[in-house]
Protein backbone atom coordinates (compact mmCIF):
# COMPACT_ATOMS: atom_id res chain seq x y z
CA MET A 1 2.95 4.75 8.93
CA ILE A 2 -0.43 3.28 7.88
CA ILE A 3 -1.47 3.06 4.48
CA PRO A 4 -4.11 6.02 3.81
CA ILE A 5 -7.66 5.18 3.27
CA ARG A 6 -8.00 7.31 0.15
CA CYS A 7 -5.36 8.39 -2.33
CA PRO A 8 -4.06 11.78 -1.25
CA THR A 9 -4.22 12.99 -4.84
CA CYS A 10 -7.28 11.76 -6.66
CA GLY A 11 -9.46 10.52 -3.51
CA LYS A 12 -9.81 6.97 -4.84
CA PRO A 13 -10.48 4.45 -1.81
CA ILE A 14 -7.26 2.49 -1.63
CA GLY A 15 -6.75 1.28 1.99
CA HIS A 16 -8.87 -1.83 1.65
CA LEU A 17 -6.36 -2.90 -1.26
CA TRP A 18 -3.33 -2.92 1.02
CA GLU A 19 -3.57 -6.43 2.42
CA GLN A 20 -4.15 -7.88 -1.08
CA TYR A 21 -1.18 -6.21 -2.40
CA LYS A 22 1.15 -7.25 0.39
CA LYS A 23 0.14 -10.86 0.19
CA GLU A 24 0.77 -10.94 -3.60
CA VAL A 25 4.17 -9.16 -3.31
CA LYS A 26 5.08 -11.80 -0.42
CA LYS A 27 4.34 -14.58 -2.68
CA GLY A 28 6.92 -13.29 -4.97
CA THR A 29 4.67 -11.46 -7.53
CA LYS A 30 6.14 -8.32 -8.90
CA PRO A 31 4.82 -5.12 -7.67
CA LYS A 32 3.48 -3.98 -11.05
CA THR A 33 1.63 -7.31 -11.46
CA ALA A 34 0.21 -7.10 -7.90
CA MET A 35 -1.15 -3.50 -8.33
CA ASP A 36 -2.59 -4.57 -11.64
CA LYS A 37 -4.62 -7.39 -9.77
CA ALA A 38 -5.59 -5.28 -7.13
CA GLY A 39 -7.20 -2.75 -9.81
CA LEU A 40 -4.83 0.26 -9.29
CA GLU A 41 -4.61 1.96 -12.53
CA ARG A 42 -3.84 5.77 -11.60
CA TYR A 43 0.02 6.52 -11.23
CA CYS A 44 -0.83 8.48 -7.88
CA CYS A 45 -2.56 5.44 -6.37
CA ARG A 46 0.44 3.40 -7.54
CA SER A 47 3.10 5.95 -5.79
CA VAL A 48 1.22 5.51 -2.69
CA PHE A 49 2.02 1.62 -2.66
CA LEU A 50 5.41 1.98 -3.93
CA ALA A 51 6.41 4.61 -1.53
CA HIS A 52 4.84 3.18 1.66
CA VAL A 53 7.11 2.23 4.55
CA ASP A 54 5.46 0.29 7.26
CA MET A 55 6.92 1.74 10.49
CA THR A 56 4.21 0.40 12.93
CA LYS A 57 6.65 -1.90 14.61
CA LYS A 58 9.56 0.64 15.01
CA VAL A 59 7.36 3.43 16.31
CA GLY A 60 5.67 0.69 18.79
CA ARG A 61 8.82 -0.07 20.49
CA PHE A 62 8.95 3.65 22.03
CA LYS A 63 5.57 3.44 23.42
CA LYS A 64 5.43 3.39 27.09
């Protein structure tokens, strides 16, 4: 639901790069280029960003 602070595989801190990545992709930049700009080089860290689905708003509807 929320991007992890560290990559679950290698342990590199990646949580602080999420907002930068989202801004770049929203501008129309390809995800590959956005991850290169953010400094994500390892495939495990890249997979976390590519596979992440933000469900915060969907889950928040069910909170009482």
